[in-house]
Amino acid sequence: MGLVSGLEVIDECVSRGLVAGAFNTTNIETTMGIVQAVENTGVPTFIQVAPTNAVLSGYEYIYDMVSRRLASVGVPVALHLDHGRTLDDVSESLAAGFTSIMMDASGYEYDKNVSLSQKARQLTPARYALEVELGSIGGKEDDQGPEREATTDPAQVAAFVEATGAELLAVSVGNVHGYAPDVRIDEELLRQVQQASAVPLVIHGGSGLPAEQLARLNEFGVVKVNVASDLRNAMIRTFGEAYAANPNETSLIRVSRQAVTAITDVVEARIRTLNPKLS
């Protein structure tokens, strides 16, 4: 099948009552693990990378790596720009072949957020999906936190979605980036946002949320949940344990394959948690 538009992933999930995981990659091991889990579950998925991670290889390498692995996979998967902060991020990822875009201008005041999101919409082809963020999600991603944190105001949602022309709305409803074991979603606020939004919602910070809330997100109009820290920890832990067991270990391929298995297990578990009705 190869890569598809983010719109196709959204439509497929909505029609089947599923929630798509959105899993961040940086390297071949993470990509292989994600795709294996997608094949195991058959759930449409986003594979994504943020500009802070694309600095290692560039967007073209990420596209080539992901698209080659997906060429023989029969499950819809989109390649998504996560937390694009600038219009250059949007343009460069699209030029590389990305099929879904996030413009994150949530660090600015409302009017500038709208303006930058509108410009991102103009750059993003209509056949692709655009995700925008209202409110500012806390926590840290790649050791970077927001300049300000703010929950999503339901009173702003309808106008913001209409003005930006986006197909996905990322919201701040108690979720935070990274690991935060005591964090919980404010379900009453999420319900208010859902009722105000004409488009499906996105929850960032899926690694730190409790399983019982992740399993119910479909009830709140959520169609995409971002997960990054769990995967990164699985890989780092695999290599760390291999070194601890044998400081003279030299079989990089053996440890790399173990990391792929560990990442596959994490991703598959997350997909199944988000979609408890899967057989």
Protein backbone atom coordinates (compact mmCIF):
# COMPACT_ATOMS: atom_id res chain seq x y z
CA MET A 1 0.00 0.00 0.00
CA GLY A 2 2.75 2.47 0.89
CA LEU A 3 2.21 5.81 2.60
CA VAL A 4 -1.27 7.35 2.58
CA SER A 5 -2.61 10.77 3.46
CA GLY A 6 -3.36 11.57 7.05
CA LEU A 7 -6.94 12.13 5.88
CA GLU A 8 -7.20 8.46 4.92
CA VAL A 9 -5.99 7.37 8.35
CA ILE A 10 -8.53 9.67 10.03
CA ASP A 11 -11.41 8.53 7.83
CA GLU A 12 -10.59 4.86 8.30
CA CYS A 13 -10.39 5.24 12.08
CA VAL A 14 -13.61 7.23 12.30
CA SER A 15 -15.49 4.71 10.14
CA ARG A 16 -14.22 1.77 12.19
CA GLY A 17 -14.45 3.43 15.60
CA LEU A 18 -10.69 3.23 16.16
CA VAL A 19 -8.07 5.52 17.68
CA ALA A 20 -4.81 5.87 15.75
CA GLY A 21 -1.58 5.81 17.64
CA ALA A 22 0.95 8.38 16.45
CA PHE A 23 4.39 7.01 17.14
CA ASN A 24 7.60 9.02 16.89
CA THR A 25 10.59 7.60 15.09
CA THR A 26 14.18 8.71 14.70
CA ASN A 27 15.98 5.64 13.41
CA ILE A 28 15.59 2.30 11.66
CA GLU A 29 15.06 0.25 14.82
CA THR A 30 12.15 2.40 15.98
CA THR A 31 10.60 2.43 12.51
CA MET A 32 10.84 -1.35 12.15
CA GLY A 33 9.27 -1.86 15.57
CA ILE A 34 6.39 0.51 14.88
CA VAL A 35 5.54 -1.03 11.51
CA GLN A 36 5.68 -4.57 12.86
CA ALA A 37 3.15 -3.62 15.53
CA VAL A 38 0.94 -2.00 12.89
CA GLU A 39 1.02 -5.21 10.87
CA ASN A 40 0.21 -7.25 13.97
CA THR A 41 -2.87 -5.18 14.83
CA GLY A 42 -4.11 -3.87 11.47
CA VAL A 43 -4.93 -0.46 12.97
CA PRO A 44 -4.33 2.66 10.82
CA THR A 45 -1.46 4.64 12.28
CA PHE A 46 0.62 7.81 12.09
CA ILE A 47 4.41 7.53 12.11
CA GLN A 48 5.88 10.91 12.93
CA VAL A 49 9.00 12.89 13.63
CA ALA A 50 9.49 16.30 15.20
CA PRO A 51 11.97 18.88 13.89
CA THR A 52 14.03 18.38 17.06
CA ASN A 53 14.66 14.77 15.98
CA ALA A 54 14.87 15.39 12.24
CA VAL A 55 18.10 17.31 12.83
CA LEU A 56 19.85 13.92 13.08
CA SER A 57 19.05 12.84 9.54
CA GLY A 58 16.82 15.34 7.77
CA TYR A 59 13.25 14.78 6.64
CA GLU A 60 14.30 13.01 3.43
CA TYR A 61 15.97 10.15 5.29
CA ILE A 62 12.91 9.68 7.51
CA TYR A 63 10.66 9.60 4.45
CA ASP A 64 12.86 7.11 2.62
CA MET A 65 13.17 4.82 5.63
CA VAL A 66 9.46 4.82 6.45
CA SER A 67 8.15 4.61 2.89
CA ARG A 68 10.43 1.70 1.99
CA ARG A 69 9.30 -0.29 5.02
CA LEU A 70 5.63 0.42 4.30
CA ALA A 71 5.74 -0.50 0.61
CA SER A 72 4.49 -4.02 1.32
CA VAL A 73 2.21 -3.21 4.28
CA GLY A 74 -1.56 -3.34 3.71
CA VAL A 75 -2.53 -1.03 6.59
CA PRO A 76 -3.04 2.74 6.07
CA VAL A 77 -0.12 4.67 7.58
CA ALA A 78 0.62 8.39 7.21
CA LEU A 79 3.97 10.11 7.73
CA HIS A 80 3.33 13.08 10.01
CA LEU A 81 5.31 16.17 10.97
CA ASP A 82 5.01 16.42 14.75
CA HIS A 83 5.20 19.87 16.36
CA GLY A 84 6.25 21.86 13.34
CA ARG A 85 7.07 25.22 14.90
CA THR A 86 7.84 27.18 11.76
CA LEU A 87 6.53 27.42 8.22
CA ASP A 88 9.93 26.20 7.06
CA ASP A 89 9.32 22.97 9.01
CA VAL A 90 6.07 22.56 7.12
CA SER A 91 7.58 23.29 3.70
CA GLU A 92 10.64 21.09 4.20
CA SER A 93 8.70 18.07 5.43
CA LEU A 94 6.17 18.36 2.61
CA ALA A 95 9.00 18.62 0.08
CA ALA A 96 10.44 15.40 1.51
CA GLY A 97 7.15 13.55 0.98
CA PHE A 98 5.35 13.78 4.33
CA THR A 99 1.59 13.21 4.04
CA SER A 100 0.33 14.84 7.24
CA ILE A 101 1.36 18.03 9.02
CA MET A 102 1.17 19.60 12.47
CA MET A 103 1.62 23.34 12.78
CA ASP A 104 2.16 24.04 16.46
CA ALA A 105 1.86 27.76 17.05
CA SER A 106 0.34 27.25 20.49
CA GLY A 107 3.20 29.10 22.15
CA TYR A 108 1.89 32.34 20.68
CA GLU A 109 -1.16 34.37 21.57
CA TYR A 110 -4.44 33.34 19.95
CA ASP A 111 -4.37 35.70 16.96
CA LYS A 112 -0.82 34.76 15.93
CA ASN A 113 -1.64 31.08 16.43
CA VAL A 114 -4.53 31.51 14.00
CA SER A 115 -2.40 33.43 11.51
CA LEU A 116 0.45 30.91 11.42
CA SER A 117 -1.98 27.99 11.29
CA GLN A 118 -3.74 29.59 8.32
CA LYS A 119 -0.43 29.98 6.50
CA ALA A 120 0.36 26.32 7.21
CA ARG A 121 -3.04 25.41 5.76
CA GLN A 122 -2.15 27.29 2.59
CA LEU A 123 1.12 25.35 2.31
CA THR A 124 -0.43 21.95 3.05
CA PRO A 125 -2.20 20.31 0.07
CA ALA A 126 -5.91 19.75 0.57
CA ARG A 127 -5.39 16.01 0.13
CA TYR A 128 -3.26 15.93 3.29
CA ALA A 129 -4.25 16.44 6.92
CA LEU A 130 -3.37 19.50 8.99
CA GLU A 131 -3.23 19.34 12.78
CA VAL A 132 -3.18 22.51 14.89
CA GLU A 133 -3.03 23.10 18.63
CA LEU A 134 -5.19 25.28 20.85
CA GLY A 135 -4.00 25.71 24.41
CA SER A 136 -0.42 24.84 25.23
CA ILE A 137 0.49 21.32 26.36
CA GLY A 138 2.89 21.18 29.29
CA GLY A 139 5.77 18.85 30.07
CA LYS A 140 8.94 18.37 28.06
CA GLU A 141 9.61 16.77 24.69
CA ASP A 142 13.26 16.20 23.80
CA ASP A 143 14.15 18.29 26.88
CA GLN A 144 12.18 21.24 25.50
CA GLY A 145 9.14 22.60 27.29
CA PRO A 146 6.66 25.29 26.26
CA GLU A 147 7.22 28.91 27.18
CA ARG A 148 3.72 28.88 28.63
CA GLU A 149 1.19 26.24 29.58
CA ALA A 150 -2.53 26.77 29.10
CA THR A 151 -5.54 24.50 28.94
CA THR A 152 -7.76 24.60 25.88
CA ASP A 153 -10.62 27.07 26.18
CA PRO A 154 -13.81 25.44 24.82
CA ALA A 155 -15.21 28.89 24.03
CA GLN A 156 -12.43 29.40 21.44
CA VAL A 157 -12.59 25.99 19.80
CA ALA A 158 -15.29 26.43 17.16
CA ALA A 159 -13.89 29.70 15.82
CA PHE A 160 -10.32 28.41 15.88
CA VAL A 161 -11.15 25.26 13.92
CA GLU A 162 -13.14 27.21 11.36
CA ALA A 163 -10.48 29.90 10.95
CA THR A 164 -7.58 27.49 10.51
CA GLY A 165 -9.30 24.96 8.25
CA ALA A 166 -7.57 22.13 10.09
CA GLU A 167 -8.71 18.50 10.13
CA LEU A 168 -7.27 17.71 13.57
CA LEU A 169 -7.22 19.69 16.82
CA ALA A 170 -4.58 18.98 19.46
CA VAL A 171 -5.82 19.93 22.91
CA SER A 172 -4.46 20.62 26.37
CA VAL A 173 -6.80 19.00 28.89
CA GLY A 174 -4.43 17.83 31.62
CA ASN A 175 -2.16 15.81 29.35
CA VAL A 176 1.56 16.62 29.29
CA HIS A 177 4.51 15.57 27.18
CA GLY A 178 6.95 12.98 28.48
CA TYR A 179 6.59 10.81 31.57
CA ALA A 180 4.27 12.14 34.25
CA PRO A 181 2.82 9.21 36.20
CA ASP A 182 0.33 11.28 38.21
CA VAL A 183 -1.18 13.12 35.25
CA ARG A 184 -4.81 12.55 34.29
CA ILE A 185 -7.04 14.01 31.61
CA ASP A 186 -9.78 16.35 32.75
CA GLU A 187 -12.61 14.42 31.11
CA GLU A 188 -15.21 17.12 31.75
CA LEU A 189 -13.06 19.68 29.94
CA LEU A 190 -12.35 17.21 27.15
CA ARG A 191 -16.10 16.64 26.73
CA GLN A 192 -16.70 20.39 26.44
CA VAL A 193 -13.97 20.67 23.82
CA GLN A 194 -15.42 17.72 21.90
CA GLN A 195 -18.85 19.31 21.84
CA ALA A 196 -17.40 22.55 20.46
CA SER A 197 -15.13 21.00 17.83
CA ALA A 198 -16.19 20.17 14.28
CA VAL A 199 -13.09 17.99 13.79
CA PRO A 200 -11.58 15.02 15.65
CA LEU A 201 -9.25 15.65 18.57
CA VAL A 202 -5.62 14.75 19.28
CA ILE A 203 -4.10 13.92 22.66
CA HIS A 204 -0.36 14.40 23.07
CA GLY A 205 1.56 12.81 25.91
CA GLY A 206 0.13 9.31 25.56
CA SER A 207 3.10 7.70 27.32
CA GLY A 208 2.18 9.11 30.71
CA LEU A 209 -1.59 8.65 30.80
CA PRO A 210 -3.32 5.82 32.67
CA ALA A 211 -4.55 2.88 30.63
CA GLU A 212 -8.15 3.27 31.75
CA GLN A 213 -8.29 6.79 30.30
CA LEU A 214 -6.51 5.83 27.09
CA ALA A 215 -9.07 3.09 26.55
CA ARG A 216 -11.95 5.60 26.68
CA LEU A 217 -10.62 8.37 24.47
CA ASN A 218 -12.71 7.26 21.51
CA GLU A 219 -15.79 8.29 23.52
CA PHE A 220 -14.53 11.89 23.49
CA GLY A 221 -13.98 12.28 19.76
CA VAL A 222 -10.24 11.57 19.96
CA VAL A 223 -8.84 9.95 16.81
CA LYS A 224 -5.06 10.37 17.31
CA VAL A 225 -2.89 9.83 20.40
CA ASN A 226 0.81 10.67 20.37
CA VAL A 227 3.30 8.30 21.97
CA ALA A 228 7.05 8.94 21.97
CA SER A 229 8.70 8.52 25.38
CA ASP A 230 7.68 4.87 25.77
CA LEU A 231 9.40 3.92 22.51
CA ARG A 232 12.55 5.86 23.21
CA ASN A 233 12.82 4.39 26.68
CA ALA A 234 12.39 0.86 25.28
CA MET A 235 15.31 1.34 22.92
CA ILE A 236 17.60 3.04 25.42
CA ARG A 237 16.75 0.44 28.04
CA THR A 238 17.55 -2.42 25.65
CA PHE A 239 21.00 -1.08 24.88
CA GLY A 240 21.62 -0.17 28.50
CA GLU A 241 20.72 -3.65 29.71
CA ALA A 242 22.93 -5.23 27.03
CA TYR A 243 25.88 -3.14 28.15
CA ALA A 244 25.23 -3.82 31.84
CA ALA A 245 25.11 -7.54 31.14
CA ASN A 246 28.30 -7.44 29.09
CA PRO A 247 30.41 -4.26 28.88
CA ASN A 248 32.38 -5.95 26.09
CA GLU A 249 29.32 -6.58 23.92
CA THR A 250 30.12 -5.94 20.25
CA SER A 251 27.17 -7.48 18.39
CA LEU A 252 25.35 -4.32 17.45
CA ILE A 253 22.94 -6.16 15.17
CA ARG A 254 21.86 -8.57 17.91
CA VAL A 255 21.12 -5.74 20.34
CA SER A 256 19.45 -3.69 17.61
CA ARG A 257 17.12 -6.60 16.82
CA GLN A 258 16.31 -6.91 20.51
CA ALA A 259 15.45 -3.21 20.49
CA VAL A 260 13.10 -3.72 17.53
CA THR A 261 11.30 -6.45 19.46
CA ALA A 262 11.04 -4.27 22.57
CA ILE A 263 9.63 -1.36 20.55
CA THR A 264 7.18 -3.65 18.75
CA ASP A 265 5.88 -4.87 22.10
CA VAL A 266 5.44 -1.32 23.43
CA VAL A 267 3.68 -0.05 20.31
CA GLU A 268 1.37 -3.05 20.03
CA ALA A 269 0.42 -2.74 23.69
CA ARG A 270 -0.40 0.95 23.21
CA ILE A 271 -2.49 0.28 20.11
CA ARG A 272 -4.46 -2.38 21.92
CA THR A 273 -4.94 -0.18 24.98
CA LEU A 274 -6.33 2.59 22.79
CA ASN A 275 -8.60 0.10 21.03
CA PRO A 276 -9.83 -2.38 23.65
CA LYS A 277 -12.38 -3.93 21.26
CA LEU A 278 -9.65 -5.32 18.99
CA SER A 279 -9.81 -9.09 18.75
